[in-house]
Structures are given as structure tokens and as C-alpha cells.
């Protein structure tokens, strides 16, 4: 579909920018639905920020299949509580 094609293009573009270490990227596109789906304000996705910081501090990629570090779990749980309060 057009949505999937545009989304894959965005993903490849972001990977292309990430690999050489760009710290800031401006994302532009003509598919409003794709941009809205992938855009998350940093305050709503602190777990992704924590994982990125972990990667930078360690200087290597890490993949967690069944368990993730406690620091990431804590941030994820906090984000979940903020998005879905009791």
C-alpha cells in the first residue's frame, strides 16, 4: 500500500541518518498519516530515549529478546502509567 511504502521510506531515511551519527534530523513527507503515526513527543517516549542513551554509553548495539535492563523497565512502566493512569 502507499502508506506502507511511505513508512518504509521514512524508516530507511532515519537509519541512513542514524548510522553516521546525526544528532538532529528534520523529517518531511507528504503523507500526513505516516508522519502522525511515527511522531511521538520525547516526553511520551522516555523509554526510547533511555535505550538510545544506553546504546551511546555502551558504544555498541544491544538486543533484548526476553528481558531488558531494569532501568529501561522502570522508565517503560512510568511511561505506561502516564499514558494509562489507574
N, C-alpha and C. Protein backbone atom coordinates (compact mmCIF):
# COMPACT_ATOMS: atom_id res chain seq x y z
N UNK A 1 0.84 -1.19 0.00
CA UNK A 1 0.00 0.00 0.00
C UNK A 1 0.88 1.26 0.00
N UNK A 2 0.29 2.37 -0.31
CA UNK A 2 1.03 3.63 -0.32
C UNK A 2 1.52 3.98 1.08
N UNK A 3 0.70 3.71 2.10
CA UNK A 3 1.09 4.00 3.48
C UNK A 3 2.34 3.20 3.85
N UNK A 4 2.33 1.90 3.56
CA UNK A 4 3.47 1.04 3.90
C UNK A 4 4.72 1.47 3.16
N UNK A 5 4.57 1.84 1.90
CA UNK A 5 5.73 2.28 1.11
C UNK A 5 6.33 3.55 1.70
N UNK A 6 5.47 4.51 2.04
CA UNK A 6 5.95 5.77 2.63
C UNK A 6 6.60 5.50 4.00
N UNK A 7 5.99 4.64 4.80
CA UNK A 7 6.54 4.33 6.12
C UNK A 7 7.92 3.68 6.00
N UNK A 8 8.07 2.75 5.09
CA UNK A 8 9.38 2.10 4.89
C UNK A 8 10.42 3.10 4.40
N UNK A 9 10.01 4.03 3.56
CA UNK A 9 10.93 5.06 3.09
C UNK A 9 11.42 5.91 4.25
N UNK A 10 10.52 6.26 5.15
CA UNK A 10 10.89 7.05 6.33
C UNK A 10 11.86 6.26 7.20
N UNK A 11 11.58 4.99 7.41
CA UNK A 11 12.45 4.16 8.24
C UNK A 11 13.85 4.08 7.65
N UNK A 12 13.93 3.85 6.36
CA UNK A 12 15.24 3.77 5.71
C UNK A 12 15.97 5.10 5.78
N UNK A 13 15.24 6.20 5.62
CA UNK A 13 15.86 7.52 5.72
C UNK A 13 16.40 7.80 7.11
N UNK A 14 15.65 7.41 8.13
CA UNK A 14 16.10 7.61 9.51
C UNK A 14 17.32 6.74 9.82
N UNK A 15 17.33 5.51 9.32
CA UNK A 15 18.50 4.65 9.50
C UNK A 15 19.73 5.26 8.82
N UNK A 16 19.52 5.79 7.62
CA UNK A 16 20.60 6.42 6.88
C UNK A 16 21.17 7.59 7.67
N UNK A 17 20.32 8.35 8.34
CA UNK A 17 20.77 9.49 9.14
C UNK A 17 21.42 9.04 10.46
N UNK A 18 20.93 7.95 11.02
CA UNK A 18 21.43 7.47 12.31
C UNK A 18 22.83 6.88 12.21
N UNK A 19 23.09 6.13 11.15
CA UNK A 19 24.36 5.41 11.03
C UNK A 19 25.59 6.31 11.12
N UNK A 20 25.63 7.47 10.44
CA UNK A 20 26.82 8.32 10.58
C UNK A 20 26.80 9.15 11.86
N UNK A 21 25.72 9.05 12.65
CA UNK A 21 25.70 9.71 13.95
C UNK A 21 25.05 11.08 13.99
N UNK A 22 24.16 11.37 13.04
CA UNK A 22 23.46 12.66 13.10
C UNK A 22 22.70 12.79 14.41
N UNK A 23 22.79 13.93 15.05
CA UNK A 23 22.12 14.17 16.32
C UNK A 23 20.76 14.82 16.14
N UNK A 24 20.52 15.41 14.99
CA UNK A 24 19.26 16.09 14.73
C UNK A 24 18.85 15.80 13.29
N UNK A 25 17.59 15.47 13.11
CA UNK A 25 17.08 15.15 11.79
C UNK A 25 15.75 15.86 11.60
N UNK A 26 15.56 16.47 10.45
CA UNK A 26 14.28 17.06 10.10
C UNK A 26 13.59 16.09 9.16
N UNK A 27 12.42 15.65 9.55
CA UNK A 27 11.67 14.67 8.78
C UNK A 27 10.55 15.39 8.04
N UNK A 28 10.53 15.26 6.73
CA UNK A 28 9.49 15.86 5.92
C UNK A 28 8.87 14.78 5.05
N UNK A 29 7.61 14.91 4.81
CA UNK A 29 6.94 13.96 3.94
C UNK A 29 5.60 14.48 3.51
N UNK A 30 5.01 13.83 2.52
CA UNK A 30 3.71 14.27 2.03
C UNK A 30 2.57 13.40 2.54
N UNK A 31 2.88 12.44 3.38
CA UNK A 31 1.85 11.58 3.94
C UNK A 31 1.61 11.95 5.40
N UNK A 32 0.57 12.72 5.62
CA UNK A 32 0.26 13.17 6.98
C UNK A 32 0.05 11.98 7.92
N UNK A 33 -0.62 10.95 7.45
CA UNK A 33 -0.89 9.81 8.32
C UNK A 33 0.39 9.11 8.77
N UNK A 34 1.38 9.01 7.89
CA UNK A 34 2.66 8.38 8.26
C UNK A 34 3.37 9.25 9.29
N UNK A 35 3.44 10.55 9.04
CA UNK A 35 4.13 11.45 9.97
C UNK A 35 3.46 11.42 11.34
N UNK A 36 2.13 11.45 11.37
CA UNK A 36 1.42 11.42 12.65
C UNK A 36 1.63 10.10 13.38
N UNK A 37 1.71 9.00 12.65
CA UNK A 37 1.90 7.69 13.29
C UNK A 37 3.29 7.53 13.88
N UNK A 38 4.31 8.08 13.25
CA UNK A 38 5.66 7.86 13.74
C UNK A 38 6.13 8.93 14.70
N UNK A 39 5.45 10.09 14.75
CA UNK A 39 5.90 11.17 15.62
C UNK A 39 5.39 10.96 17.03
N UNK A 40 6.33 10.90 17.97
CA UNK A 40 5.99 10.82 19.39
C UNK A 40 6.86 11.84 20.09
N UNK A 41 6.24 12.74 20.82
CA UNK A 41 7.00 13.72 21.58
C UNK A 41 7.89 12.99 22.58
N UNK A 42 9.08 13.51 22.81
CA UNK A 42 10.06 12.85 23.67
C UNK A 42 9.51 12.60 25.07
N UNK A 43 8.62 13.48 25.54
CA UNK A 43 8.06 13.28 26.88
C UNK A 43 7.14 12.07 26.92
N UNK A 44 6.64 11.63 25.77
CA UNK A 44 5.77 10.46 25.73
C UNK A 44 6.50 9.19 25.37
N UNK A 45 7.80 9.26 25.18
CA UNK A 45 8.55 8.07 24.80
C UNK A 45 9.92 8.07 25.46
N UNK A 46 9.92 8.19 26.76
CA UNK A 46 11.17 8.24 27.51
C UNK A 46 11.91 6.90 27.47
N UNK A 47 11.19 5.82 27.25
CA UNK A 47 11.86 4.51 27.16
C UNK A 47 12.78 4.45 25.95
N UNK A 48 12.32 4.98 24.82
CA UNK A 48 13.17 5.01 23.62
C UNK A 48 14.40 5.87 23.87
N UNK A 49 14.22 6.99 24.56
CA UNK A 49 15.35 7.85 24.89
C UNK A 49 16.33 7.12 25.81
N UNK A 50 15.82 6.39 26.79
CA UNK A 50 16.68 5.65 27.71
C UNK A 50 17.46 4.56 26.97
N UNK A 51 16.82 3.89 26.01
CA UNK A 51 17.51 2.87 25.23
C UNK A 51 18.59 3.49 24.35
N UNK A 52 18.29 4.65 23.77
CA UNK A 52 19.29 5.33 22.94
C UNK A 52 20.49 5.76 23.78
N UNK A 53 20.22 6.27 24.98
CA UNK A 53 21.32 6.67 25.87
C UNK A 53 22.16 5.47 26.27
N UNK A 54 21.50 4.35 26.54
CA UNK A 54 22.21 3.12 26.90
C UNK A 54 23.13 2.70 25.77
N UNK A 55 22.64 2.79 24.54
CA UNK A 55 23.44 2.42 23.37
C UNK A 55 24.66 3.32 23.23
N UNK A 56 24.48 4.62 23.43
CA UNK A 56 25.59 5.58 23.30
C UNK A 56 26.62 5.33 24.40
N UNK A 57 26.16 5.11 25.64
CA UNK A 57 27.08 4.89 26.75
C UNK A 57 27.91 3.63 26.56
N UNK A 58 27.29 2.59 26.04
CA UNK A 58 27.99 1.32 25.85
C UNK A 58 28.81 1.29 24.56
N UNK A 59 28.45 2.13 23.60
CA UNK A 59 29.17 2.16 22.34
C UNK A 59 28.93 0.95 21.47
N UNK A 60 27.83 0.26 21.71
CA UNK A 60 27.51 -0.93 20.93
C UNK A 60 26.00 -1.14 20.88
N UNK A 61 25.54 -1.81 19.86
CA UNK A 61 24.13 -2.16 19.77
C UNK A 61 23.84 -3.32 20.69
N UNK A 62 22.65 -3.29 21.29
CA UNK A 62 22.22 -4.40 22.14
C UNK A 62 20.82 -4.79 21.73
N UNK A 63 20.51 -6.07 21.85
CA UNK A 63 19.19 -6.56 21.51
C UNK A 63 18.67 -7.37 22.69
N UNK A 64 17.48 -7.03 23.14
CA UNK A 64 16.88 -7.74 24.25
C UNK A 64 15.71 -8.53 23.72
N UNK A 65 15.74 -9.84 23.94
CA UNK A 65 14.69 -10.68 23.41
C UNK A 65 13.63 -10.95 24.47
N UNK A 66 14.04 -11.38 25.64
CA UNK A 66 13.07 -11.71 26.68
C UNK A 66 13.15 -10.77 27.88
N UNK A 67 14.31 -10.24 28.17
CA UNK A 67 14.47 -9.37 29.31
C UNK A 67 15.20 -8.11 28.87
N UNK A 68 14.90 -7.02 29.55
CA UNK A 68 15.63 -5.78 29.29
C UNK A 68 16.17 -5.25 30.61
N UNK A 69 17.12 -4.35 30.56
CA UNK A 69 17.71 -3.83 31.79
C UNK A 69 16.65 -3.19 32.69
N UNK A 70 16.87 -3.30 34.00
CA UNK A 70 15.92 -2.75 34.96
C UNK A 70 15.64 -1.26 34.74
N UNK A 71 16.68 -0.50 34.33
CA UNK A 71 16.48 0.93 34.11
C UNK A 71 15.48 1.18 32.98
N UNK A 72 15.51 0.36 31.97
CA UNK A 72 14.57 0.50 30.85
C UNK A 72 13.17 0.08 31.28
N UNK A 73 13.07 -0.99 32.05
CA UNK A 73 11.77 -1.45 32.54
C UNK A 73 11.12 -0.38 33.41
N UNK A 74 11.90 0.26 34.27
CA UNK A 74 11.35 1.30 35.14
C UNK A 74 10.79 2.46 34.32
N UNK A 75 11.54 2.92 33.34
CA UNK A 75 11.08 4.03 32.52
C UNK A 75 9.84 3.63 31.72
N UNK A 76 9.83 2.42 31.19
CA UNK A 76 8.69 1.94 30.42
C UNK A 76 7.44 1.89 31.29
N UNK A 77 7.58 1.39 32.50
CA UNK A 77 6.45 1.33 33.43
C UNK A 77 5.94 2.73 33.78
N UNK A 78 6.85 3.68 33.97
CA UNK A 78 6.44 5.06 34.24
C UNK A 78 5.68 5.64 33.05
N UNK A 79 6.19 5.44 31.83
CA UNK A 79 5.50 5.92 30.63
C UNK A 79 4.12 5.31 30.52
N UNK A 80 4.01 4.02 30.81
CA UNK A 80 2.72 3.34 30.73
C UNK A 80 1.74 3.92 31.72
N UNK A 81 2.21 4.21 32.94
CA UNK A 81 1.32 4.81 33.96
C UNK A 81 0.86 6.20 33.54
N UNK A 82 1.75 6.97 32.90
CA UNK A 82 1.38 8.30 32.46
C UNK A 82 0.34 8.26 31.34
N UNK A 83 0.46 7.27 30.46
CA UNK A 83 -0.47 7.16 29.34
C UNK A 83 -1.79 6.53 29.73
N UNK A 84 -1.77 5.68 30.73
CA UNK A 84 -2.98 4.97 31.14
C UNK A 84 -3.08 4.98 32.66
N UNK A 85 -3.44 6.14 33.26
CA UNK A 85 -3.49 6.22 34.73
C UNK A 85 -4.56 5.29 35.31
N UNK A 86 -4.38 4.87 36.56
CA UNK A 86 -5.34 3.93 37.18
C UNK A 86 -6.71 4.53 37.37
